[in-house]
């Protein structure tokens, strides 16, 4: 029985390999023109060091990263839209500075609700810069601060720092 299973598995390996070697199904002409249904993603991660971006975001808050009033938000994906056409997505990492005298614990406990509101605001308002390849940081900051003030209350979030967006363009 063991020999039969071993022989069967070896034969299966050789029978299946040609199917994978052909590159998968779908056929097609191999045309990579603009009318092709393939999506090429532009990974622009070589634009400056991550450490410099991190230090810039922390400096924008005006306090040390270890400060207990700093709340690190999960990444938010913002669509990049030009002329009603999706150009790609920007992945934004941000930090909130809770105002003195306000409950940082309350903000942290309700971060997931605030995140939901920020995502909705980012889809409701076109945050794409005029160039079309990134977000308008000033507009994004204003929209997000208004959204956070609406949820947490006016003055609860003192500052918002957004790191340089990581954009993924559809080509």
N, C-alpha and C. Protein backbone atom coordinates (compact mmCIF):
# COMPACT_ATOMS: atom_id res chain seq x y z
N UNK A 1 0.82 -1.19 0.00
CA UNK A 1 0.00 0.00 0.00
C UNK A 1 0.86 1.25 0.00
N UNK A 2 1.95 1.24 0.80
CA UNK A 2 2.84 2.38 0.86
C UNK A 2 3.48 2.65 -0.49
N UNK A 3 3.86 1.58 -1.18
CA UNK A 3 4.48 1.73 -2.49
C UNK A 3 3.49 2.32 -3.49
N UNK A 4 2.25 1.88 -3.40
CA UNK A 4 1.22 2.40 -4.30
C UNK A 4 1.03 3.90 -4.08
N UNK A 5 0.93 4.33 -2.83
CA UNK A 5 0.75 5.75 -2.53
C UNK A 5 1.97 6.57 -2.98
N UNK A 6 3.16 6.04 -2.78
CA UNK A 6 4.36 6.74 -3.22
C UNK A 6 4.39 6.87 -4.74
N UNK A 7 4.08 5.80 -5.44
CA UNK A 7 4.05 5.85 -6.91
C UNK A 7 2.97 6.80 -7.40
N UNK A 8 1.81 6.78 -6.76
CA UNK A 8 0.71 7.68 -7.15
C UNK A 8 1.08 9.14 -6.95
N UNK A 9 1.72 9.45 -5.82
CA UNK A 9 2.08 10.85 -5.56
C UNK A 9 3.16 11.33 -6.52
N UNK A 10 4.10 10.49 -6.89
CA UNK A 10 5.14 10.88 -7.84
C UNK A 10 4.53 11.10 -9.22
N UNK A 11 3.64 10.22 -9.64
CA UNK A 11 2.98 10.38 -10.94
C UNK A 11 2.12 11.64 -10.95
N UNK A 12 1.45 11.93 -9.86
CA UNK A 12 0.62 13.14 -9.77
C UNK A 12 1.48 14.39 -9.90
N UNK A 13 2.65 14.36 -9.31
CA UNK A 13 3.55 15.51 -9.37
C UNK A 13 3.94 15.80 -10.82
N UNK A 14 4.26 14.79 -11.59
CA UNK A 14 4.66 15.00 -12.97
C UNK A 14 3.48 15.34 -13.87
N UNK A 15 2.31 14.89 -13.53
CA UNK A 15 1.13 15.17 -14.35
C UNK A 15 0.62 16.59 -14.13
N UNK A 16 0.79 17.14 -12.96
CA UNK A 16 0.27 18.46 -12.63
C UNK A 16 1.24 19.57 -13.04
N UNK A 17 2.52 19.33 -13.04
CA UNK A 17 3.53 20.36 -13.32
C UNK A 17 3.32 21.08 -14.64
N UNK A 18 3.01 20.43 -15.76
CA UNK A 18 2.82 21.17 -17.01
C UNK A 18 1.67 22.18 -16.95
N UNK A 19 0.65 21.90 -16.18
CA UNK A 19 -0.47 22.84 -16.08
C UNK A 19 -0.02 24.14 -15.44
N UNK A 20 0.86 24.07 -14.43
CA UNK A 20 1.35 25.27 -13.77
C UNK A 20 2.41 25.98 -14.61
N UNK A 21 3.17 25.24 -15.38
CA UNK A 21 4.24 25.83 -16.18
C UNK A 21 3.71 26.72 -17.28
N UNK A 22 2.48 26.52 -17.71
CA UNK A 22 1.94 27.31 -18.81
C UNK A 22 1.55 28.72 -18.38
N UNK A 23 1.60 29.03 -17.09
CA UNK A 23 1.28 30.37 -16.64
C UNK A 23 -0.18 30.53 -16.26
N UNK A 24 -0.90 29.48 -16.18
CA UNK A 24 -2.31 29.58 -15.78
C UNK A 24 -3.21 29.69 -16.98
N UNK A 25 -4.47 29.71 -16.71
CA UNK A 25 -5.45 29.74 -17.78
C UNK A 25 -5.67 31.13 -18.30
N UNK A 26 -6.72 31.29 -19.01
CA UNK A 26 -7.11 32.61 -19.49
C UNK A 26 -6.71 32.88 -20.91
N UNK A 27 -5.68 32.22 -21.38
CA UNK A 27 -5.25 32.44 -22.76
C UNK A 27 -4.93 33.89 -23.01
N UNK A 28 -5.36 34.39 -24.14
CA UNK A 28 -5.11 35.79 -24.45
C UNK A 28 -3.90 35.94 -25.34
N UNK A 29 -3.72 37.14 -25.81
CA UNK A 29 -2.66 37.39 -26.78
C UNK A 29 -1.36 37.83 -26.13
N UNK A 30 -1.37 38.00 -24.79
CA UNK A 30 -0.16 38.48 -24.14
C UNK A 30 0.02 39.97 -24.35
N UNK A 31 -1.00 40.65 -24.80
CA UNK A 31 -0.95 42.08 -25.08
C UNK A 31 -0.89 42.86 -23.77
N UNK A 32 0.11 43.69 -23.59
CA UNK A 32 0.24 44.52 -22.40
C UNK A 32 -0.13 45.95 -22.68
N UNK A 33 -0.98 46.19 -23.64
CA UNK A 33 -1.36 47.55 -24.00
C UNK A 33 -2.27 48.15 -22.94
N UNK A 34 -2.64 49.41 -23.14
CA UNK A 34 -3.48 50.13 -22.18
C UNK A 34 -4.85 49.48 -22.06
N UNK A 35 -5.29 48.73 -23.06
CA UNK A 35 -6.61 48.12 -23.02
C UNK A 35 -6.59 46.76 -22.34
N UNK A 36 -5.43 46.33 -21.88
CA UNK A 36 -5.30 45.04 -21.21
C UNK A 36 -6.04 45.08 -19.88
N UNK A 37 -6.46 43.93 -19.40
CA UNK A 37 -7.18 43.89 -18.13
C UNK A 37 -6.23 43.68 -16.95
N UNK A 38 -4.95 43.84 -17.15
CA UNK A 38 -3.99 43.68 -16.07
C UNK A 38 -3.78 45.00 -15.35
N UNK A 39 -3.47 44.90 -14.07
CA UNK A 39 -3.21 46.09 -13.26
C UNK A 39 -1.75 46.04 -12.83
N UNK A 40 -1.02 47.09 -13.13
CA UNK A 40 0.36 47.21 -12.68
C UNK A 40 0.37 48.21 -11.53
N UNK A 41 1.00 47.85 -10.44
CA UNK A 41 1.02 48.73 -9.28
C UNK A 41 2.39 49.39 -9.18
N UNK A 42 2.37 50.69 -8.99
CA UNK A 42 3.59 51.47 -8.84
C UNK A 42 3.94 51.52 -7.36
N UNK A 43 4.94 50.78 -6.93
CA UNK A 43 5.36 50.76 -5.53
C UNK A 43 6.38 51.86 -5.33
N UNK A 44 6.02 52.94 -4.69
CA UNK A 44 6.91 54.08 -4.56
C UNK A 44 7.52 54.17 -3.18
N UNK A 45 8.05 53.11 -2.70
CA UNK A 45 8.58 53.08 -1.35
C UNK A 45 10.00 53.60 -1.24
N UNK A 46 10.60 54.05 -2.34
CA UNK A 46 11.97 54.52 -2.28
C UNK A 46 12.06 56.03 -2.08
N UNK A 47 10.98 56.71 -1.77
CA UNK A 47 10.95 58.15 -1.63
C UNK A 47 11.29 58.58 -0.21
N UNK A 48 12.54 58.47 0.20
CA UNK A 48 12.93 58.92 1.53
C UNK A 48 12.90 57.77 2.52
N UNK A 49 13.60 57.98 3.61
CA UNK A 49 13.69 56.90 4.59
C UNK A 49 12.48 56.90 5.51
N UNK A 50 12.12 55.72 5.94
CA UNK A 50 10.99 55.58 6.85
C UNK A 50 11.28 56.26 8.19
N UNK A 51 12.54 56.23 8.61
CA UNK A 51 12.91 56.85 9.88
C UNK A 51 12.71 58.37 9.82
N UNK A 52 13.07 58.99 8.70
CA UNK A 52 12.89 60.44 8.56
C UNK A 52 11.40 60.80 8.56
N UNK A 53 10.58 59.99 7.91
CA UNK A 53 9.14 60.23 7.89
C UNK A 53 8.56 60.09 9.29
N UNK A 54 9.01 59.09 10.01
CA UNK A 54 8.54 58.86 11.38
C UNK A 54 8.92 60.04 12.26
N UNK A 55 10.17 60.49 12.18
CA UNK A 55 10.62 61.62 12.99
C UNK A 55 9.86 62.90 12.63
N UNK A 56 9.54 63.07 11.37
CA UNK A 56 8.79 64.23 10.93
C UNK A 56 7.38 64.24 11.53
N UNK A 57 6.73 63.08 11.53
CA UNK A 57 5.38 62.98 12.09
C UNK A 57 5.40 63.22 13.60
N UNK A 58 6.38 62.68 14.28
CA UNK A 58 6.49 62.87 15.72
C UNK A 58 6.78 64.34 16.03
N UNK A 59 7.65 64.96 15.24
CA UNK A 59 7.96 66.38 15.45
C UNK A 59 6.74 67.26 15.23
N UNK A 60 5.86 66.87 14.30
CA UNK A 60 4.65 67.65 14.03
C UNK A 60 3.71 67.65 15.24
N UNK A 61 3.79 66.63 16.07
CA UNK A 61 2.96 66.59 17.26
C UNK A 61 3.48 67.52 18.35
N UNK A 62 4.78 67.76 18.34
CA UNK A 62 5.38 68.64 19.34
C UNK A 62 5.68 67.96 20.67
N UNK A 63 5.55 66.65 20.74
CA UNK A 63 5.86 65.90 21.95
C UNK A 63 6.62 64.63 21.56
N UNK A 64 7.21 63.97 22.54
CA UNK A 64 7.90 62.72 22.30
C UNK A 64 6.90 61.61 21.99
N UNK A 65 7.34 60.62 21.23
CA UNK A 65 6.49 59.49 20.89
C UNK A 65 6.05 58.73 22.14
N UNK A 66 6.86 58.72 23.15
CA UNK A 66 6.53 58.01 24.38
C UNK A 66 5.52 58.73 25.25
N UNK A 67 5.13 59.92 24.87
CA UNK A 67 4.16 60.68 25.64
C UNK A 67 2.85 59.90 25.71
N UNK A 68 2.26 59.78 26.90
CA UNK A 68 1.02 59.00 27.03
C UNK A 68 -0.18 59.62 26.32
N UNK A 69 -0.07 60.87 25.87
CA UNK A 69 -1.18 61.50 25.16
C UNK A 69 -1.16 61.21 23.66
N UNK A 70 -0.13 60.53 23.17
CA UNK A 70 -0.03 60.21 21.74
C UNK A 70 -0.75 58.89 21.47
N UNK A 71 -1.66 58.93 20.51
CA UNK A 71 -2.41 57.73 20.11
C UNK A 71 -2.04 57.40 18.67
N UNK A 72 -1.54 56.19 18.46
CA UNK A 72 -1.16 55.74 17.12
C UNK A 72 -2.39 55.12 16.47
N UNK A 73 -2.76 55.67 15.32
CA UNK A 73 -3.93 55.17 14.60
C UNK A 73 -3.50 54.06 13.62
N UNK A 74 -4.38 53.10 13.39
CA UNK A 74 -4.09 52.10 12.34
C UNK A 74 -4.05 52.78 10.97
N UNK A 75 -3.44 52.13 10.02
CA UNK A 75 -3.36 52.68 8.66
C UNK A 75 -4.76 52.85 8.08
N UNK A 76 -4.93 53.93 7.35
CA UNK A 76 -6.20 54.21 6.69
C UNK A 76 -5.94 54.27 5.19
N UNK A 77 -6.74 53.57 4.43
CA UNK A 77 -6.59 53.54 2.98
C UNK A 77 -7.54 54.56 2.37
N UNK A 78 -6.95 55.49 1.60
CA UNK A 78 -7.72 56.57 0.99
C UNK A 78 -7.66 56.41 -0.53
N UNK A 79 -8.81 56.40 -1.20
CA UNK A 79 -8.78 56.28 -2.67
C UNK A 79 -8.28 57.57 -3.31
N UNK A 80 -7.51 57.42 -4.39
CA UNK A 80 -7.04 58.56 -5.18
C UNK A 80 -7.90 58.60 -6.44
N UNK A 81 -8.68 59.67 -6.58
CA UNK A 81 -9.64 59.76 -7.67
C UNK A 81 -9.41 61.05 -8.44
N UNK A 82 -9.29 60.92 -9.77
CA UNK A 82 -9.16 62.08 -10.66
C UNK A 82 -10.19 61.92 -11.77
N UNK A 83 -11.00 62.95 -11.98
CA UNK A 83 -12.05 62.93 -13.00
C UNK A 83 -12.94 61.69 -12.87
N UNK A 84 -13.34 61.40 -11.65
CA UNK A 84 -14.22 60.27 -11.35
C UNK A 84 -13.63 58.91 -11.74
N UNK A 85 -12.31 58.84 -11.83
CA UNK A 85 -11.63 57.58 -12.14
C UNK A 85 -10.64 57.26 -11.03
N UNK A 86 -10.67 56.04 -10.56
CA UNK A 86 -9.77 55.60 -9.52
C UNK A 86 -8.34 55.52 -10.07
N UNK A 87 -7.42 56.24 -9.45
CA UNK A 87 -6.02 56.25 -9.87
C UNK A 87 -5.17 55.32 -9.02
N UNK A 88 -5.62 55.05 -7.80
CA UNK A 88 -4.87 54.21 -6.89
C UNK A 88 -5.33 54.44 -5.47
N UNK A 89 -4.46 54.07 -4.52
CA UNK A 89 -4.79 54.22 -3.11
C UNK A 89 -3.59 54.80 -2.37
N UNK A 90 -3.87 55.55 -1.33
CA UNK A 90 -2.83 56.07 -0.45
C UNK A 90 -3.04 55.45 0.92
N UNK A 91 -2.00 54.90 1.47
CA UNK A 91 -2.04 54.31 2.80
C UNK A 91 -1.48 55.34 3.76
N UNK A 92 -2.31 55.81 4.70
CA UNK A 92 -1.91 56.88 5.60
C UNK A 92 -1.76 56.36 7.02
N UNK A 93 -0.64 56.70 7.62
CA UNK A 93 -0.38 56.39 9.03
C UNK A 93 -0.41 57.71 9.77
N UNK A 94 -1.13 57.75 10.87
CA UNK A 94 -1.27 59.01 11.59
C UNK A 94 -1.14 58.80 13.09
N UNK A 95 -0.92 59.91 13.76
CA UNK A 95 -0.83 59.94 15.21
C UNK A 95 -1.70 61.09 15.72
N UNK A 96 -2.38 60.84 16.80
CA UNK A 96 -3.21 61.87 17.42
C UNK A 96 -2.56 62.32 18.72
N UNK A 97 -2.68 63.60 19.02
CA UNK A 97 -2.24 64.13 20.30
C UNK A 97 -3.50 64.56 21.05
N UNK A 98 -3.77 63.86 22.14
CA UNK A 98 -4.94 64.17 22.95
C UNK A 98 -4.61 65.41 23.79
N UNK A 99 -5.55 66.34 23.85
CA UNK A 99 -5.34 67.58 24.60
C UNK A 99 -5.16 67.29 26.09
N UNK A 100 -4.39 68.16 26.75
CA UNK A 100 -4.19 68.02 28.19
C UNK A 100 -5.54 68.15 28.90
N UNK A 101 -5.72 67.31 29.91
CA UNK A 101 -6.96 67.33 30.66
C UNK A 101 -8.04 66.44 30.09
N UNK A 102 -7.82 65.90 28.89
CA UNK A 102 -8.79 64.99 28.27
C UNK A 102 -8.35 63.55 28.52
N UNK A 103 -9.27 62.63 28.41
CA UNK A 103 -9.00 61.22 28.70
C UNK A 103 -8.40 60.51 27.49
N UNK A 104 -7.11 60.23 27.57
CA UNK A 104 -6.46 59.47 26.51
C UNK A 104 -7.03 58.06 26.45
N UNK A 105 -7.34 57.52 27.60
CA UNK A 105 -7.90 56.17 27.67
C UNK A 105 -9.22 56.09 26.90
N UNK A 106 -10.06 57.11 27.04
CA UNK A 106 -11.34 57.15 26.33
C UNK A 106 -11.12 57.18 24.82
N UNK A 107 -10.13 57.97 24.38
CA UNK A 107 -9.82 58.05 22.95
C UNK A 107 -9.34 56.69 22.45
N UNK A 108 -8.45 56.05 23.20
CA UNK A 108 -7.92 54.75 22.79
C UNK A 108 -9.04 53.70 22.74
N UNK A 109 -9.92 53.72 23.72
CA UNK A 109 -11.02 52.74 23.75
C UNK A 109 -12.00 52.92 22.60
N UNK A 110 -12.07 54.13 22.05
CA UNK A 110 -13.02 54.41 20.97
C UNK A 110 -12.33 54.64 19.62
N UNK A 111 -11.07 54.24 19.53
CA UNK A 111 -10.31 54.42 18.30
C UNK A 111 -10.97 53.73 17.11
N UNK A 112 -11.52 52.54 17.31
CA UNK A 112 -12.11 51.81 16.19
C UNK A 112 -13.32 52.54 15.63
N UNK A 113 -14.10 53.23 16.48
CA UNK A 113 -15.22 54.01 15.98
C UNK A 113 -14.74 55.25 15.23
N UNK A 114 -13.69 55.88 15.78
CA UNK A 114 -13.11 57.05 15.11
C UNK A 114 -12.52 56.64 13.76
N UNK A 115 -11.88 55.49 13.72
CA UNK A 115 -11.30 54.98 12.49
C UNK A 115 -12.39 54.79 11.43
N UNK A 116 -13.51 54.23 11.82
CA UNK A 116 -14.62 54.05 10.89
C UNK A 116 -15.08 55.40 10.34
N UNK A 117 -15.20 56.39 11.18
CA UNK A 117 -15.62 57.72 10.73
C UNK A 117 -14.58 58.37 9.81
N UNK A 118 -13.30 58.16 10.10
CA UNK A 118 -12.25 58.72 9.24
C UNK A 118 -12.27 58.07 7.86
N UNK A 119 -12.49 56.76 7.83
CA UNK A 119 -12.57 56.06 6.54
C UNK A 119 -13.76 56.57 5.74
N UNK A 120 -14.90 56.73 6.39
CA UNK A 120 -16.09 57.24 5.70
C UNK A 120 -15.87 58.66 5.18
N UNK A 121 -15.24 59.50 5.99
CA UNK A 121 -14.95 60.88 5.56
C UNK A 121 -13.98 60.89 4.40
N UNK A 122 -13.03 59.95 4.39
CA UNK A 122 -12.04 59.88 3.32
C UNK A 122 -12.65 59.42 2.00
N UNK A 123 -13.74 58.70 2.07
CA UNK A 123 -14.43 58.25 0.86
C UNK A 123 -15.49 59.25 0.43
N UNK A 124 -16.03 60.00 1.37
CA UNK A 124 -17.05 60.99 1.07
C UNK A 124 -16.44 62.24 0.42
N UNK A 125 -15.25 62.62 0.86
CA UNK A 125 -14.56 63.81 0.35
C UNK A 125 -13.36 63.36 -0.46
N UNK A 126 -13.20 63.90 -1.67
CA UNK A 126 -12.04 63.55 -2.49
C UNK A 126 -10.81 64.25 -1.91
N UNK A 127 -9.90 63.48 -1.36
CA UNK A 127 -8.70 64.00 -0.71
C UNK A 127 -7.49 63.97 -1.63
N UNK A 128 -7.68 63.70 -2.90
CA UNK A 128 -6.59 63.58 -3.86
C UNK A 128 -5.99 64.95 -4.16
N UNK A 129 -4.66 65.01 -4.20
CA UNK A 129 -3.96 66.25 -4.55
C UNK A 129 -4.18 66.54 -6.04
N UNK A 130 -3.90 67.76 -6.45
CA UNK A 130 -4.10 68.14 -7.86
C UNK A 130 -3.26 67.30 -8.80
N UNK A 131 -2.10 66.84 -8.34
CA UNK A 131 -1.24 66.01 -9.18
C UNK A 131 -1.88 64.65 -9.46
N UNK A 132 -2.77 64.21 -8.59
CA UNK A 132 -3.47 62.94 -8.79
C UNK A 132 -2.72 61.72 -8.31
N UNK A 133 -1.50 61.90 -7.81
CA UNK A 133 -0.71 60.74 -7.42
C UNK A 133 -0.50 60.60 -5.92
N UNK A 134 -1.14 61.44 -5.14
CA UNK A 134 -1.05 61.36 -3.68
C UNK A 134 -2.24 62.11 -3.08
N UNK A 135 -2.28 62.20 -1.77
CA UNK A 135 -3.35 62.94 -1.11
C UNK A 135 -2.88 64.35 -0.79
N UNK A 136 -3.83 65.25 -0.66
CA UNK A 136 -3.56 66.61 -0.21
C UNK A 136 -3.51 66.55 1.31
N UNK A 137 -2.31 66.63 1.88
CA UNK A 137 -2.13 66.46 3.32
C UNK A 137 -2.89 67.53 4.11
N UNK A 138 -2.85 68.77 3.65
CA UNK A 138 -3.55 69.84 4.37
C UNK A 138 -5.06 69.60 4.39
N UNK A 139 -5.62 69.24 3.26
CA UNK A 139 -7.05 68.95 3.18
C UNK A 139 -7.41 67.74 4.04
N UNK A 140 -6.59 66.71 3.96
CA UNK A 140 -6.82 65.50 4.74
C UNK A 140 -6.80 65.81 6.23
N UNK A 141 -5.81 66.59 6.65
CA UNK A 141 -5.71 66.97 8.06
C UNK A 141 -6.95 67.73 8.50
N UNK A 142 -7.41 68.66 7.68
CA UNK A 142 -8.60 69.45 8.03
C UNK A 142 -9.85 68.57 8.11
N UNK A 143 -10.05 67.73 7.12
CA UNK A 143 -11.23 66.85 7.10
C UNK A 143 -11.20 65.90 8.30
N UNK A 144 -10.04 65.33 8.57
CA UNK A 144 -9.93 64.38 9.68
C UNK A 144 -10.11 65.07 11.02
N UNK A 145 -9.53 66.26 11.19
CA UNK A 145 -9.70 66.97 12.46
C UNK A 145 -11.17 67.32 12.69
N UNK A 146 -11.87 67.76 11.63
CA UNK A 146 -13.30 68.05 11.75
C UNK A 146 -14.07 66.79 12.13
N UNK A 147 -13.71 65.66 11.51
CA UNK A 147 -14.39 64.39 11.80
C UNK A 147 -14.12 63.95 13.23
N UNK A 148 -12.88 64.09 13.69
CA UNK A 148 -12.54 63.71 15.06
C UNK A 148 -13.23 64.61 16.07
N UNK A 149 -13.31 65.91 15.77
CA UNK A 149 -13.99 66.85 16.66
C UNK A 149 -15.49 66.53 16.73
N UNK A 150 -16.03 66.11 15.61
CA UNK A 150 -17.45 65.73 15.57
C UNK A 150 -17.71 64.49 16.43
N UNK A 151 -16.76 63.55 16.44
CA UNK A 151 -16.95 62.32 17.19
C UNK A 151 -16.58 62.47 18.67
N UNK A 152 -15.35 62.95 18.94
CA UNK A 152 -14.87 63.03 20.32
C UNK A 152 -15.30 64.31 21.04
N UNK A 153 -15.62 65.33 20.29
CA UNK A 153 -15.95 66.62 20.87
C UNK A 153 -14.86 67.63 20.51
N UNK A 154 -15.24 68.88 20.46
CA UNK A 154 -14.32 69.94 20.09
C UNK A 154 -13.19 70.05 21.11
N UNK A 155 -11.95 70.08 20.62
CA UNK A 155 -10.79 70.29 21.47
C UNK A 155 -10.22 69.05 22.15
N UNK A 156 -10.84 67.88 21.98
CA UNK A 156 -10.32 66.67 22.61
C UNK A 156 -9.02 66.25 21.92
N UNK A 157 -8.99 66.33 20.60
CA UNK A 157 -7.77 66.02 19.84
C UNK A 157 -7.08 67.35 19.57
N UNK A 158 -5.90 67.50 20.14
CA UNK A 158 -5.16 68.76 20.00
C UNK A 158 -4.50 68.88 18.63
N UNK A 159 -3.84 67.80 18.20
CA UNK A 159 -3.13 67.81 16.94
C UNK A 159 -3.23 66.46 16.26
N UNK A 160 -3.03 66.49 14.95
CA UNK A 160 -3.02 65.28 14.13
C UNK A 160 -1.80 65.36 13.24
N UNK A 161 -0.99 64.31 13.23
CA UNK A 161 0.17 64.25 12.35
C UNK A 161 0.00 63.07 11.40
N UNK A 162 0.17 63.35 10.11
CA UNK A 162 0.06 62.31 9.09
C UNK A 162 1.43 62.10 8.47
N UNK A 163 1.88 60.86 8.47
CA UNK A 163 3.16 60.54 7.84
C UNK A 163 3.01 60.62 6.33
N UNK A 164 4.14 60.69 5.63
CA UNK A 164 4.12 60.74 4.17
C UNK A 164 3.35 59.54 3.64
N UNK A 165 2.36 59.78 2.79
CA UNK A 165 1.53 58.67 2.30
C UNK A 165 2.33 57.66 1.48
N UNK A 166 1.95 56.41 1.62
CA UNK A 166 2.49 55.33 0.80
C UNK A 166 1.44 55.11 -0.28
N UNK A 167 1.72 55.57 -1.49
CA UNK A 167 0.71 55.48 -2.55
C UNK A 167 0.97 54.29 -3.45
N UNK A 168 -0.11 53.70 -3.88
CA UNK A 168 -0.07 52.58 -4.83
C UNK A 168 -0.93 52.98 -6.01
N UNK A 169 -0.30 53.33 -7.12
CA UNK A 169 -1.02 53.79 -8.29
C UNK A 169 -1.35 52.63 -9.23
N UNK A 170 -2.53 52.66 -9.80
CA UNK A 170 -2.91 51.67 -10.80
C UNK A 170 -2.45 52.21 -12.14
N UNK A 171 -1.72 51.45 -12.88
CA UNK A 171 -1.21 51.92 -14.19
C UNK A 171 -1.85 51.14 -15.30
